[in-house]
């Protein structure tokens, strides 16, 4: 479908593996994964992916802080925030900080596909 290069940032191995598998099934290339904010920022610098999926809850720092750091260094970065927190405030803040969208957990293939379509309109 896409052939986009994706960086997956998620601290829970099960969720990370699931998202990677879904992305691969949709034709994306997962260039790297990270389970902390520090590794996420490093991986973004190294791989400069087409899109980063970014979990809000990371063990070392807030995902929104990671979003700010990545957008500061790479203003054109496409970041999709992933969260189980369905609060409007969080969504608004993520979008205000430059996220291209918010993917709510739990998600399935359809939600990931819609997220990709919205990040990369044809």
N, C-alpha and C. Protein backbone atom coordinates (compact mmCIF):
# COMPACT_ATOMS: atom_id res chain seq x y z
N UNK A 1 0.82 -1.21 0.00
CA UNK A 1 0.00 0.00 0.00
C UNK A 1 0.85 1.26 0.00
N UNK A 2 1.85 1.32 0.87
CA UNK A 2 2.49 2.60 1.13
C UNK A 2 3.98 2.67 0.81
N UNK A 3 4.73 1.69 1.30
CA UNK A 3 6.18 1.70 1.18
C UNK A 3 6.83 2.87 1.92
N UNK A 4 6.21 3.30 3.00
CA UNK A 4 6.76 4.39 3.81
C UNK A 4 7.69 3.82 4.87
N UNK A 5 8.68 4.61 5.24
CA UNK A 5 9.66 4.22 6.27
C UNK A 5 9.15 4.73 7.63
N UNK A 6 8.95 3.80 8.56
CA UNK A 6 8.32 4.14 9.84
C UNK A 6 9.23 3.81 11.02
N UNK A 7 9.24 4.72 11.99
CA UNK A 7 9.89 4.49 13.28
C UNK A 7 8.78 4.26 14.29
N UNK A 8 8.79 3.11 14.96
CA UNK A 8 7.75 2.78 15.94
C UNK A 8 8.31 2.96 17.35
N UNK A 9 7.68 3.86 18.11
CA UNK A 9 8.10 4.12 19.49
C UNK A 9 6.99 3.66 20.44
N UNK A 10 7.29 2.60 21.18
CA UNK A 10 6.30 1.99 22.08
C UNK A 10 7.06 1.18 23.12
N UNK A 11 6.80 1.42 24.41
CA UNK A 11 7.53 0.70 25.45
C UNK A 11 7.01 -0.71 25.72
N UNK A 12 5.76 -0.99 25.38
CA UNK A 12 5.21 -2.33 25.61
C UNK A 12 5.51 -3.21 24.39
N UNK A 13 6.27 -4.28 24.62
CA UNK A 13 6.71 -5.15 23.53
C UNK A 13 5.54 -5.70 22.71
N UNK A 14 4.46 -6.11 23.38
CA UNK A 14 3.32 -6.69 22.67
C UNK A 14 2.70 -5.66 21.72
N UNK A 15 2.49 -4.45 22.20
CA UNK A 15 1.91 -3.39 21.37
C UNK A 15 2.87 -3.00 20.24
N UNK A 16 4.17 -2.95 20.56
CA UNK A 16 5.18 -2.59 19.56
C UNK A 16 5.21 -3.63 18.44
N UNK A 17 5.24 -4.91 18.83
CA UNK A 17 5.28 -5.99 17.84
C UNK A 17 4.03 -5.99 16.97
N UNK A 18 2.86 -5.78 17.60
CA UNK A 18 1.60 -5.75 16.86
C UNK A 18 1.61 -4.61 15.84
N UNK A 19 1.99 -3.43 16.27
CA UNK A 19 2.00 -2.27 15.37
C UNK A 19 2.99 -2.49 14.22
N UNK A 20 4.16 -3.03 14.53
CA UNK A 20 5.15 -3.32 13.48
C UNK A 20 4.59 -4.29 12.45
N UNK A 21 3.93 -5.33 12.94
CA UNK A 21 3.35 -6.34 12.03
C UNK A 21 2.27 -5.74 11.15
N UNK A 22 1.40 -4.93 11.75
CA UNK A 22 0.33 -4.28 10.98
C UNK A 22 0.94 -3.37 9.90
N UNK A 23 1.93 -2.57 10.28
CA UNK A 23 2.57 -1.67 9.32
C UNK A 23 3.22 -2.45 8.17
N UNK A 24 3.90 -3.54 8.51
CA UNK A 24 4.53 -4.36 7.46
C UNK A 24 3.48 -4.95 6.54
N UNK A 25 2.37 -5.42 7.12
CA UNK A 25 1.28 -5.98 6.31
C UNK A 25 0.67 -4.94 5.38
N UNK A 26 0.75 -3.67 5.78
CA UNK A 26 0.22 -2.58 4.95
C UNK A 26 1.27 -2.07 3.96
N UNK A 27 2.42 -2.73 3.91
CA UNK A 27 3.44 -2.39 2.93
C UNK A 27 4.45 -1.35 3.39
N UNK A 28 4.46 -1.04 4.66
CA UNK A 28 5.43 -0.08 5.19
C UNK A 28 6.72 -0.81 5.59
N UNK A 29 7.79 -0.05 5.70
CA UNK A 29 9.06 -0.59 6.17
C UNK A 29 9.33 0.00 7.55
N UNK A 30 9.41 -0.85 8.56
CA UNK A 30 9.74 -0.38 9.91
C UNK A 30 11.26 -0.27 9.98
N UNK A 31 11.78 0.98 9.95
CA UNK A 31 13.24 1.18 9.91
C UNK A 31 13.87 1.01 11.28
N UNK A 32 13.09 1.23 12.33
CA UNK A 32 13.61 1.07 13.69
C UNK A 32 12.45 1.07 14.67
N UNK A 33 12.74 0.57 15.89
CA UNK A 33 11.79 0.68 16.99
C UNK A 33 12.55 1.24 18.18
N UNK A 34 11.80 1.85 19.08
CA UNK A 34 12.40 2.38 20.31
C UNK A 34 11.42 2.16 21.45
N UNK A 35 11.97 1.91 22.65
CA UNK A 35 11.10 1.69 23.81
C UNK A 35 11.26 2.77 24.87
N UNK A 36 12.06 3.81 24.57
CA UNK A 36 12.18 4.96 25.47
C UNK A 36 12.22 6.23 24.63
N UNK A 37 11.97 7.35 25.28
CA UNK A 37 12.03 8.64 24.60
C UNK A 37 13.42 8.96 24.10
N UNK A 38 14.42 8.64 24.90
CA UNK A 38 15.82 8.90 24.53
C UNK A 38 16.17 8.15 23.25
N UNK A 39 15.82 6.85 23.21
CA UNK A 39 16.10 6.05 22.03
C UNK A 39 15.29 6.54 20.83
N UNK A 40 14.08 7.03 21.08
CA UNK A 40 13.23 7.53 20.00
C UNK A 40 13.88 8.73 19.31
N UNK A 41 14.38 9.67 20.10
CA UNK A 41 15.02 10.87 19.55
C UNK A 41 16.27 10.47 18.76
N UNK A 42 17.07 9.56 19.33
CA UNK A 42 18.28 9.09 18.64
C UNK A 42 17.92 8.38 17.34
N UNK A 43 16.92 7.51 17.38
CA UNK A 43 16.52 6.74 16.20
C UNK A 43 15.98 7.67 15.11
N UNK A 44 15.26 8.72 15.52
CA UNK A 44 14.74 9.67 14.52
C UNK A 44 15.91 10.34 13.81
N UNK A 45 16.89 10.82 14.58
CA UNK A 45 18.08 11.48 14.01
C UNK A 45 18.79 10.56 13.02
N UNK A 46 18.93 9.30 13.42
CA UNK A 46 19.67 8.33 12.63
C UNK A 46 18.95 7.93 11.34
N UNK A 47 17.66 7.65 11.44
CA UNK A 47 16.92 7.08 10.30
C UNK A 47 16.09 8.08 9.51
N UNK A 48 15.76 9.22 10.09
CA UNK A 48 14.90 10.22 9.46
C UNK A 48 13.73 9.55 8.69
N UNK A 49 12.85 8.88 9.45
CA UNK A 49 11.76 8.13 8.81
C UNK A 49 10.70 9.05 8.20
N UNK A 50 9.85 8.47 7.36
CA UNK A 50 8.74 9.23 6.77
C UNK A 50 7.69 9.53 7.83
N UNK A 51 7.61 8.66 8.84
CA UNK A 51 6.61 8.81 9.90
C UNK A 51 7.11 8.14 11.17
N UNK A 52 6.82 8.77 12.30
CA UNK A 52 7.12 8.15 13.59
C UNK A 52 5.80 7.95 14.32
N UNK A 53 5.56 6.73 14.82
CA UNK A 53 4.42 6.50 15.72
C UNK A 53 5.00 6.62 17.12
N UNK A 54 4.39 7.44 17.92
CA UNK A 54 4.96 7.81 19.22
C UNK A 54 3.99 7.58 20.36
N UNK A 55 4.32 6.62 21.21
CA UNK A 55 3.52 6.37 22.41
C UNK A 55 3.70 7.54 23.36
N UNK A 56 2.63 7.96 24.01
CA UNK A 56 2.69 9.07 24.95
C UNK A 56 3.34 8.66 26.27
N UNK A 57 3.07 7.43 26.70
CA UNK A 57 3.59 6.95 27.99
C UNK A 57 4.88 6.17 27.79
N UNK A 58 6.00 6.81 28.05
CA UNK A 58 7.30 6.16 27.92
C UNK A 58 7.97 6.14 29.29
N UNK A 59 8.84 5.16 29.55
CA UNK A 59 9.41 5.03 30.90
C UNK A 59 10.32 6.18 31.32
N UNK A 60 11.00 6.81 30.37
CA UNK A 60 11.98 7.83 30.76
C UNK A 60 11.50 9.28 30.60
N UNK A 61 10.55 9.51 29.70
CA UNK A 61 10.04 10.88 29.50
C UNK A 61 8.68 10.85 28.84
N UNK A 62 8.00 11.95 28.91
CA UNK A 62 6.67 12.12 28.33
C UNK A 62 6.78 12.13 26.80
N UNK A 63 5.89 11.41 26.14
CA UNK A 63 5.89 11.38 24.68
C UNK A 63 5.72 12.76 24.05
N UNK A 64 4.99 13.63 24.72
CA UNK A 64 4.81 14.99 24.18
C UNK A 64 6.14 15.75 24.19
N UNK A 65 6.99 15.47 25.18
CA UNK A 65 8.33 16.08 25.22
C UNK A 65 9.15 15.57 24.03
N UNK A 66 9.06 14.27 23.75
CA UNK A 66 9.76 13.68 22.60
C UNK A 66 9.27 14.35 21.31
N UNK A 67 7.95 14.51 21.21
CA UNK A 67 7.36 15.18 20.04
C UNK A 67 7.94 16.58 19.87
N UNK A 68 8.00 17.35 20.95
CA UNK A 68 8.57 18.71 20.90
C UNK A 68 10.02 18.68 20.41
N UNK A 69 10.81 17.77 20.98
CA UNK A 69 12.24 17.68 20.63
C UNK A 69 12.43 17.31 19.15
N UNK A 70 11.68 16.33 18.69
CA UNK A 70 11.80 15.90 17.29
C UNK A 70 11.36 17.02 16.35
N UNK A 71 10.24 17.67 16.66
CA UNK A 71 9.74 18.76 15.80
C UNK A 71 10.68 19.97 15.82
N UNK A 72 11.35 20.20 16.95
CA UNK A 72 12.29 21.31 17.04
C UNK A 72 13.47 21.08 16.09
N UNK A 73 13.99 19.84 16.11
CA UNK A 73 15.14 19.50 15.26
C UNK A 73 14.74 19.24 13.81
N UNK A 74 13.52 18.75 13.63
CA UNK A 74 13.03 18.39 12.27
C UNK A 74 11.60 18.91 12.12
N UNK A 75 11.45 20.18 11.79
CA UNK A 75 10.11 20.78 11.73
C UNK A 75 9.14 20.07 10.78
N UNK A 76 9.67 19.38 9.77
CA UNK A 76 8.80 18.71 8.80
C UNK A 76 8.49 17.25 9.19
N UNK A 77 8.91 16.84 10.38
CA UNK A 77 8.69 15.46 10.84
C UNK A 77 7.19 15.15 10.92
N UNK A 78 6.83 13.95 10.46
CA UNK A 78 5.45 13.49 10.60
C UNK A 78 5.41 12.54 11.79
N UNK A 79 4.60 12.90 12.79
CA UNK A 79 4.52 12.10 14.00
C UNK A 79 3.05 11.79 14.30
N UNK A 80 2.77 10.51 14.51
CA UNK A 80 1.44 10.09 14.92
C UNK A 80 1.53 9.69 16.38
N UNK A 81 0.80 10.36 17.24
CA UNK A 81 0.81 10.05 18.67
C UNK A 81 -0.12 8.86 18.92
N UNK A 82 0.37 7.92 19.73
CA UNK A 82 -0.39 6.72 20.09
C UNK A 82 -0.65 6.75 21.59
N UNK A 83 -1.91 6.61 21.98
CA UNK A 83 -2.23 6.69 23.40
C UNK A 83 -3.51 5.91 23.73
N UNK A 84 -3.60 5.49 24.97
CA UNK A 84 -4.83 4.87 25.46
C UNK A 84 -5.70 5.93 26.14
N UNK A 85 -5.15 7.14 26.26
CA UNK A 85 -5.84 8.23 26.94
C UNK A 85 -6.72 8.97 25.94
N UNK A 86 -8.03 8.82 26.09
CA UNK A 86 -8.96 9.40 25.12
C UNK A 86 -9.42 10.81 25.54
N UNK A 87 -8.56 11.60 26.11
CA UNK A 87 -8.96 12.95 26.54
C UNK A 87 -8.74 13.95 25.41
N UNK A 88 -9.75 14.78 25.18
CA UNK A 88 -9.67 15.80 24.13
C UNK A 88 -8.46 16.71 24.34
N UNK A 89 -8.17 17.07 25.59
CA UNK A 89 -7.06 17.98 25.89
C UNK A 89 -5.74 17.42 25.35
N UNK A 90 -5.53 16.13 25.59
CA UNK A 90 -4.30 15.49 25.15
C UNK A 90 -4.20 15.50 23.62
N UNK A 91 -5.32 15.17 22.96
CA UNK A 91 -5.34 15.19 21.49
C UNK A 91 -5.03 16.58 20.98
N UNK A 92 -5.69 17.58 21.55
CA UNK A 92 -5.48 18.97 21.12
C UNK A 92 -4.03 19.39 21.32
N UNK A 93 -3.46 19.02 22.46
CA UNK A 93 -2.07 19.39 22.75
C UNK A 93 -1.12 18.73 21.76
N UNK A 94 -1.34 17.45 21.48
CA UNK A 94 -0.49 16.72 20.53
C UNK A 94 -0.54 17.37 19.15
N UNK A 95 -1.74 17.71 18.69
CA UNK A 95 -1.90 18.36 17.38
C UNK A 95 -1.25 19.75 17.40
N UNK A 96 -1.45 20.48 18.50
CA UNK A 96 -0.85 21.82 18.63
C UNK A 96 0.67 21.75 18.57
N UNK A 97 1.24 20.66 19.08
CA UNK A 97 2.69 20.49 19.08
C UNK A 97 3.21 19.97 17.73
N UNK A 98 2.29 19.69 16.82
CA UNK A 98 2.71 19.32 15.48
C UNK A 98 2.47 17.88 15.07
N UNK A 99 1.79 17.09 15.91
CA UNK A 99 1.47 15.71 15.51
C UNK A 99 0.48 15.75 14.34
N UNK A 100 0.62 14.80 13.41
CA UNK A 100 -0.30 14.75 12.27
C UNK A 100 -1.60 14.05 12.65
N UNK A 101 -1.62 13.40 13.82
CA UNK A 101 -2.84 12.75 14.27
C UNK A 101 -2.62 11.98 15.55
N UNK A 102 -3.72 11.40 16.05
CA UNK A 102 -3.69 10.63 17.28
C UNK A 102 -4.34 9.27 17.01
N UNK A 103 -3.63 8.22 17.36
CA UNK A 103 -4.15 6.86 17.21
C UNK A 103 -4.46 6.33 18.60
N UNK A 104 -5.73 5.99 18.82
CA UNK A 104 -6.16 5.54 20.14
C UNK A 104 -6.00 4.03 20.32
N UNK A 105 -5.43 3.64 21.46
CA UNK A 105 -5.36 2.22 21.83
C UNK A 105 -6.67 1.84 22.49
N UNK A 106 -7.15 0.64 22.34
CA UNK A 106 -6.60 -0.38 21.46
C UNK A 106 -7.00 -0.10 20.01
N UNK A 107 -6.11 -0.36 19.08
CA UNK A 107 -6.41 -0.12 17.67
C UNK A 107 -6.24 -1.42 16.88
N UNK A 108 -6.82 -1.43 15.70
CA UNK A 108 -6.69 -2.58 14.81
C UNK A 108 -6.12 -2.13 13.48
N UNK A 109 -6.10 -3.04 12.54
CA UNK A 109 -5.54 -2.78 11.22
C UNK A 109 -6.22 -1.58 10.56
N UNK A 110 -7.55 -1.54 10.65
CA UNK A 110 -8.31 -0.46 10.01
C UNK A 110 -7.89 0.92 10.52
N UNK A 111 -7.74 1.04 11.84
CA UNK A 111 -7.35 2.34 12.43
C UNK A 111 -5.94 2.75 11.97
N UNK A 112 -5.04 1.79 11.90
CA UNK A 112 -3.68 2.09 11.45
C UNK A 112 -3.70 2.51 9.98
N UNK A 113 -4.49 1.81 9.19
CA UNK A 113 -4.62 2.15 7.76
C UNK A 113 -5.17 3.56 7.58
N UNK A 114 -6.20 3.91 8.37
CA UNK A 114 -6.78 5.26 8.29
C UNK A 114 -5.74 6.32 8.71
N UNK A 115 -4.97 6.00 9.75
CA UNK A 115 -3.93 6.92 10.22
C UNK A 115 -2.91 7.18 9.12
N UNK A 116 -2.49 6.11 8.43
CA UNK A 116 -1.52 6.26 7.35
C UNK A 116 -2.10 7.10 6.20
N UNK A 117 -3.37 6.84 5.88
CA UNK A 117 -4.02 7.62 4.81
C UNK A 117 -4.07 9.11 5.16
N UNK A 118 -4.36 9.41 6.42
CA UNK A 118 -4.45 10.81 6.81
C UNK A 118 -3.06 11.46 6.86
N UNK A 119 -2.02 10.68 7.19
CA UNK A 119 -0.66 11.22 7.24
C UNK A 119 -0.09 11.42 5.83
N UNK A 120 -0.50 10.54 4.91
CA UNK A 120 0.00 10.61 3.54
C UNK A 120 -1.14 10.62 2.55
N UNK A 121 -1.85 11.76 2.45
CA UNK A 121 -2.96 11.82 1.50
C UNK A 121 -2.44 11.58 0.08
N UNK A 122 -3.19 10.84 -0.70
CA UNK A 122 -2.75 10.49 -2.06
C UNK A 122 -2.66 11.72 -2.95
